[in-house]
Each structure stands twice: as C-alpha cells, then as structure tokens.
C-alpha cells in the first residue's frame, strides 16, 4: 500500500484522480510543499447563499482542503490525521472571482498539528476575505479502531 505522501505526490502531478470534493467544487492545486498548500477555485452565483454572496460553507471547504493538504505534507509514511476542530472567520463578502486558500502548518507535534488558512480574492487584489484555523490529530495509519471502545 502506498503511503499518504506518495499518493499525494501522484495526485499533485495529476497522475491520479482528484478527491471527489475537489472535482465537485473545481478546486485547483496551485502549490504544495512541506507544510504549505495553496488551492484556488472560481466562485460565482452558483455558490451564492440567499443573501447573494458566496456561501461560507464553500469557502470553508476550500480552506479545509488546503489545511488538510498542508498537514498531509508533514506526515510520515505510516501516519494519517483527522480534524479535531475547525474555525473560520469571514471578513468580507465575496460575490464572484477566484478565491485562493493559502494554508501553512503553524505547529506540528507528535500527536497534534495546528494549521492556518488565509483566503484571498483574486491574485492581484489580494484582499483577505476569510481566515481559518484547524487542529489536527496525527494518527497511526496502521492502527485500526474498533469503534466499540473495547466494550461488548
């Protein structure tokens, strides 16, 4: 079985199919390095909420994906991760354009990683429209959890 980083290198080079959510939302991988990931996506009226702005959940999906990829870039061969907490602050309304989510790992310990994502609108504008932070738990990819806490 390929390790997560090996799988992601193939994904980054578009040798394998993108994750379904990135296909659904048409996310693009713009940069991937150790502790860093940049994703982008074009947004417009099809992503609007009843107020006529891009839905916060759409921006959260983009930020979450970028933070996840930044975390993946720090994993060892037999490690995985899961999100413990995700928080978003929305700073400006977005109507249309291209949103960039720049994520970087702020802290990577043995069991916990803290990752930040800054969302900007359009490359030339660069106005920050949202900020997110996630706490990730680093897991042993070989360990299987039974789901019953050992109780019968």
C-alpha atoms as a PDB file:
ATOM      1  CA  UNK A   1       0.000   0.000   0.000  1.00  0.00           C
ATOM      2  CA  UNK A   2       1.337   3.420  -0.912  1.00  0.00           C
ATOM      3  CA  UNK A   3       1.971   5.901   1.903  1.00  0.00           C
ATOM      4  CA  UNK A   4      -0.090   9.078   2.052  1.00  0.00           C
ATOM      5  CA  UNK A   5       2.725  11.316   0.853  1.00  0.00           C
ATOM      6  CA  UNK A   6       3.450   9.044  -2.108  1.00  0.00           C
ATOM      7  CA  UNK A   7      -0.238   9.042  -3.028  1.00  0.00           C
ATOM      8  CA  UNK A   8      -0.373  12.805  -2.772  1.00  0.00           C
ATOM      9  CA  UNK A   9       2.719  13.308  -4.927  1.00  0.00           C
ATOM     10  CA  UNK A  10       0.938  11.329  -7.649  1.00  0.00           C
ATOM     11  CA  UNK A  11      -2.205  13.394  -7.070  1.00  0.00           C
ATOM     12  CA  UNK A  12      -0.232  16.625  -7.214  1.00  0.00           C
ATOM     13  CA  UNK A  13       1.173  15.602 -10.572  1.00  0.00           C
ATOM     14  CA  UNK A  14      -2.392  14.767 -11.700  1.00  0.00           C
ATOM     15  CA  UNK A  15      -1.404  11.108 -12.270  1.00  0.00           C
ATOM     16  CA  UNK A  16      -4.451  10.005 -10.288  1.00  0.00           C
ATOM     17  CA  UNK A  17      -7.973  11.261  -9.936  1.00  0.00           C
ATOM     18  CA  UNK A  18      -8.506  14.273  -7.701  1.00  0.00           C
ATOM     19  CA  UNK A  19     -10.508  13.838  -4.468  1.00  0.00           C
ATOM     20  CA  UNK A  20     -14.246  13.951  -5.270  1.00  0.00           C
ATOM     21  CA  UNK A  21     -14.853  17.221  -3.377  1.00  0.00           C
ATOM     22  CA  UNK A  22     -12.150  18.991  -5.365  1.00  0.00           C
ATOM     23  CA  UNK A  23     -13.781  17.781  -8.571  1.00  0.00           C
ATOM     24  CA  UNK A  24     -17.254  18.821  -7.413  1.00  0.00           C
ATOM     25  CA  UNK A  25     -16.106  22.322  -6.462  1.00  0.00           C
ATOM     26  CA  UNK A  26     -13.469  22.514  -9.233  1.00  0.00           C
ATOM     27  CA  UNK A  27     -10.616  23.256  -6.833  1.00  0.00           C
ATOM     28  CA  UNK A  28      -7.145  23.668  -8.306  1.00  0.00           C
ATOM     29  CA  UNK A  29      -3.876  22.794  -6.612  1.00  0.00           C
ATOM     30  CA  UNK A  30      -1.544  25.754  -7.122  1.00  0.00           C
ATOM     31  CA  UNK A  31       1.278  24.938  -4.680  1.00  0.00           C
ATOM     32  CA  UNK A  32       2.304  22.025  -2.490  1.00  0.00           C
ATOM     33  CA  UNK A  33       5.417  21.947  -0.351  1.00  0.00           C
ATOM     34  CA  UNK A  34       6.441  20.857   3.119  1.00  0.00           C
ATOM     35  CA  UNK A  35       3.872  22.364   5.496  1.00  0.00           C
ATOM     36  CA  UNK A  36       2.285  24.501   2.766  1.00  0.00           C
ATOM     37  CA  UNK A  37      -0.582  24.124   0.311  1.00  0.00           C
ATOM     38  CA  UNK A  38      -2.365  26.638  -1.925  1.00  0.00           C
ATOM     39  CA  UNK A  39      -5.697  25.810  -3.531  1.00  0.00           C
ATOM     40  CA  UNK A  40      -7.899  28.041  -5.650  1.00  0.00           C
ATOM     41  CA  UNK A  41     -11.353  27.976  -7.149  1.00  0.00           C
ATOM     42  CA  UNK A  42     -13.552  30.239  -9.225  1.00  0.00           C
ATOM     43  CA  UNK A  43     -16.760  31.300  -7.482  1.00  0.00           C
ATOM     44  CA  UNK A  44     -19.918  32.977  -8.675  1.00  0.00           C
ATOM     45  CA  UNK A  45     -23.688  32.871  -8.422  1.00  0.00           C
ATOM     46  CA  UNK A  46     -23.940  29.062  -8.362  1.00  0.00           C
ATOM     47  CA  UNK A  47     -22.294  29.193  -4.917  1.00  0.00           C
ATOM     48  CA  UNK A  48     -24.434  32.041  -3.536  1.00  0.00           C
ATOM     49  CA  UNK A  49     -26.441  31.895  -0.344  1.00  0.00           C
ATOM     50  CA  UNK A  50     -29.849  33.651  -0.008  1.00  0.00           C
ATOM     51  CA  UNK A  51     -28.029  36.956   0.653  1.00  0.00           C
ATOM     52  CA  UNK A  52     -26.382  36.821  -2.778  1.00  0.00           C
ATOM     53  CA  UNK A  53     -22.855  36.194  -1.523  1.00  0.00           C
ATOM     54  CA  UNK A  54     -20.665  33.083  -1.725  1.00  0.00           C
ATOM     55  CA  UNK A  55     -21.796  30.656   0.952  1.00  0.00           C
ATOM     56  CA  UNK A  56     -19.454  30.373   3.927  1.00  0.00           C
ATOM     57  CA  UNK A  57     -19.502  26.594   3.632  1.00  0.00           C
ATOM     58  CA  UNK A  58     -17.952  26.812   0.181  1.00  0.00           C
ATOM     59  CA  UNK A  59     -15.107  28.959   1.486  1.00  0.00           C
ATOM     60  CA  UNK A  60     -14.737  26.612   4.464  1.00  0.00           C
ATOM     61  CA  UNK A  61     -14.449  23.605   2.119  1.00  0.00           C
ATOM     62  CA  UNK A  62     -11.634  25.316   0.237  1.00  0.00           C
ATOM     63  CA  UNK A  63      -9.816  26.306   3.447  1.00  0.00           C
ATOM     64  CA  UNK A  64     -10.286  22.835   4.953  1.00  0.00           C
ATOM     65  CA  UNK A  65      -8.912  21.121   1.855  1.00  0.00           C
ATOM     66  CA  UNK A  66      -5.852  23.396   1.804  1.00  0.00           C
ATOM     67  CA  UNK A  67      -5.207  22.850   5.520  1.00  0.00           C
ATOM     68  CA  UNK A  68      -5.582  19.099   5.071  1.00  0.00           C
ATOM     69  CA  UNK A  69      -3.050  19.039   2.247  1.00  0.00           C
ATOM     70  CA  UNK A  70      -0.616  21.153   4.267  1.00  0.00           C
ATOM     71  CA  UNK A  71      -0.944  18.623   7.092  1.00  0.00           C
ATOM     72  CA  UNK A  72      -0.510  15.653   4.730  1.00  0.00           C
ATOM     73  CA  UNK A  73       2.799  17.134   3.570  1.00  0.00           C
ATOM     74  CA  UNK A  74       4.185  16.709   7.114  1.00  0.00           C
ATOM     75  CA  UNK A  75       3.090  13.104   7.663  1.00  0.00           C
ATOM     76  CA  UNK A  76       5.482  10.209   7.988  1.00  0.00           C
ATOM     77  CA  UNK A  77       4.920   7.041   5.971  1.00  0.00           C
ATOM     78  CA  UNK A  78       2.600   5.317   8.471  1.00  0.00           C
ATOM     79  CA  UNK A  79       0.737   8.381   9.706  1.00  0.00           C
ATOM     80  CA  UNK A  80      -2.695   9.732   8.932  1.00  0.00           C
ATOM     81  CA  UNK A  81      -4.711  12.529  10.510  1.00  0.00           C
ATOM     82  CA  UNK A  82      -8.185  13.674  11.402  1.00  0.00           C
ATOM     83  CA  UNK A  83      -9.558  17.133  12.114  1.00  0.00           C
ATOM     84  CA  UNK A  84     -10.402  17.794  15.758  1.00  0.00           C
ATOM     85  CA  UNK A  85     -11.527  21.395  15.368  1.00  0.00           C
ATOM     86  CA  UNK A  86     -12.064  23.874  12.543  1.00  0.00           C
ATOM     87  CA  UNK A  87     -12.830  27.557  12.982  1.00  0.00           C
ATOM     88  CA  UNK A  88     -13.487  30.167  10.308  1.00  0.00           C
ATOM     89  CA  UNK A  89     -13.722  33.947  10.443  1.00  0.00           C
ATOM     90  CA  UNK A  90     -15.366  35.595   7.438  1.00  0.00           C
ATOM     91  CA  UNK A  91     -14.060  39.132   6.954  1.00  0.00           C
ATOM     92  CA  UNK A  92     -15.564  40.347   3.656  1.00  0.00           C
ATOM     93  CA  UNK A  93     -18.416  39.246   1.429  1.00  0.00           C
ATOM     94  CA  UNK A  94     -17.458  37.518  -1.805  1.00  0.00           C
ATOM     95  CA  UNK A  95     -19.689  37.745  -4.864  1.00  0.00           C
ATOM     96  CA  UNK A  96     -17.541  36.325  -7.652  1.00  0.00           C
ATOM     97  CA  UNK A  97     -13.950  35.864  -8.692  1.00  0.00           C
ATOM     98  CA  UNK A  98     -11.202  33.436  -7.811  1.00  0.00           C
ATOM     99  CA  UNK A  99     -10.536  32.571  -4.176  1.00  0.00           C
ATOM    100  CA  UNK A 100      -7.090  31.408  -3.060  1.00  0.00           C
ATOM    101  CA  UNK A 101      -6.647  29.421   0.166  1.00  0.00           C
ATOM    102  CA  UNK A 102      -3.060  29.554   1.396  1.00  0.00           C
ATOM    103  CA  UNK A 103      -2.509  27.079   4.230  1.00  0.00           C
ATOM    104  CA  UNK A 104       0.531  26.540   6.363  1.00  0.00           C
ATOM    105  CA  UNK A 105       1.294  24.346   9.336  1.00  0.00           C
ATOM    106  CA  UNK A 106       1.919  26.565  12.364  1.00  0.00           C
ATOM    107  CA  UNK A 107       2.801  23.711  14.724  1.00  0.00           C
ATOM    108  CA  UNK A 108       3.484  20.028  14.121  1.00  0.00           C
ATOM    109  CA  UNK A 109       3.958  17.896  17.185  1.00  0.00           C
ATOM    110  CA  UNK A 110       3.899  14.139  17.646  1.00  0.00           C
ATOM    111  CA  UNK A 111       0.097  13.960  18.006  1.00  0.00           C
ATOM    112  CA  UNK A 112      -1.246  17.445  17.214  1.00  0.00           C
ATOM    113  CA  UNK A 113      -0.842  19.880  14.326  1.00  0.00           C
ATOM    114  CA  UNK A 114      -2.239  23.404  14.122  1.00  0.00           C
ATOM    115  CA  UNK A 115      -2.806  24.709  10.613  1.00  0.00           C
ATOM    116  CA  UNK A 116      -3.872  28.146   9.349  1.00  0.00           C
ATOM    117  CA  UNK A 117      -5.508  29.125   6.076  1.00  0.00           C
ATOM    118  CA  UNK A 118      -5.841  32.644   4.700  1.00  0.00           C
ATOM    119  CA  UNK A 119      -8.359  33.137   1.894  1.00  0.00           C
ATOM    120  CA  UNK A 120      -7.860  35.984  -0.549  1.00  0.00           C
ATOM    121  CA  UNK A 121      -9.908  37.124  -3.500  1.00  0.00           C
ATOM    122  CA  UNK A 122      -8.132  37.224  -6.850  1.00  0.00           C
ATOM    123  CA  UNK A 123      -4.387  37.116  -7.165  1.00  0.00           C
ATOM    124  CA  UNK A 124      -3.990  40.794  -7.983  1.00  0.00           C
ATOM    125  CA  UNK A 125      -6.465  42.132  -5.397  1.00  0.00           C
ATOM    126  CA  UNK A 126      -5.164  40.040  -2.526  1.00  0.00           C
ATOM    127  CA  UNK A 127      -7.798  41.237  -0.043  1.00  0.00           C
ATOM    128  CA  UNK A 128      -8.222  38.791   2.802  1.00  0.00           C
ATOM    129  CA  UNK A 129     -11.822  37.559   2.798  1.00  0.00           C
ATOM    130  CA  UNK A 130     -11.577  34.840   5.468  1.00  0.00           C
ATOM    131  CA  UNK A 131      -9.203  33.131   7.877  1.00  0.00           C
ATOM    132  CA  UNK A 132      -9.375  29.626   9.235  1.00  0.00           C
ATOM    133  CA  UNK A 133      -7.509  27.535  11.736  1.00  0.00           C
ATOM    134  CA  UNK A 134      -7.706  23.796  12.311  1.00  0.00           C
ATOM    135  CA  UNK A 135      -6.406  21.461  14.974  1.00  0.00           C
ATOM    136  CA  UNK A 136      -5.419  18.100  13.514  1.00  0.00           C
ATOM    137  CA  UNK A 137      -4.788  14.868  15.408  1.00  0.00           C
ATOM    138  CA  UNK A 138      -1.939  12.802  13.991  1.00  0.00           C
ATOM    139  CA  UNK A 139      -2.883   9.121  13.835  1.00  0.00           C
ATOM    140  CA  UNK A 140      -1.050   5.851  13.340  1.00  0.00           C
ATOM    141  CA  UNK A 141      -2.352   4.745   9.934  1.00  0.00           C
ATOM    142  CA  UNK A 142      -1.695   1.077  10.806  1.00  0.00           C
ATOM    143  CA  UNK A 143      -3.856   1.103  13.945  1.00  0.00           C
ATOM    144  CA  UNK A 144      -7.461   0.115  13.434  1.00  0.00           C
ATOM    145  CA  UNK A 145     -10.069   1.431  15.861  1.00  0.00           C
ATOM    146  CA  UNK A 146     -12.921  -0.956  16.596  1.00  0.00           C
ATOM    147  CA  UNK A 147     -15.477   1.731  17.336  1.00  0.00           C
ATOM    148  CA  UNK A 148     -16.821  -0.006  20.445  1.00  0.00           C
ATOM    149  CA  UNK A 149     -14.152   1.174  22.925  1.00  0.00           C
ATOM    150  CA  UNK A 150     -13.470  -2.464  23.820  1.00  0.00           C
ATOM    151  CA  UNK A 151     -16.922  -2.906  25.375  1.00  0.00           C
ATOM    152  CA  UNK A 152     -19.328  -5.681  24.485  1.00  0.00           C
END
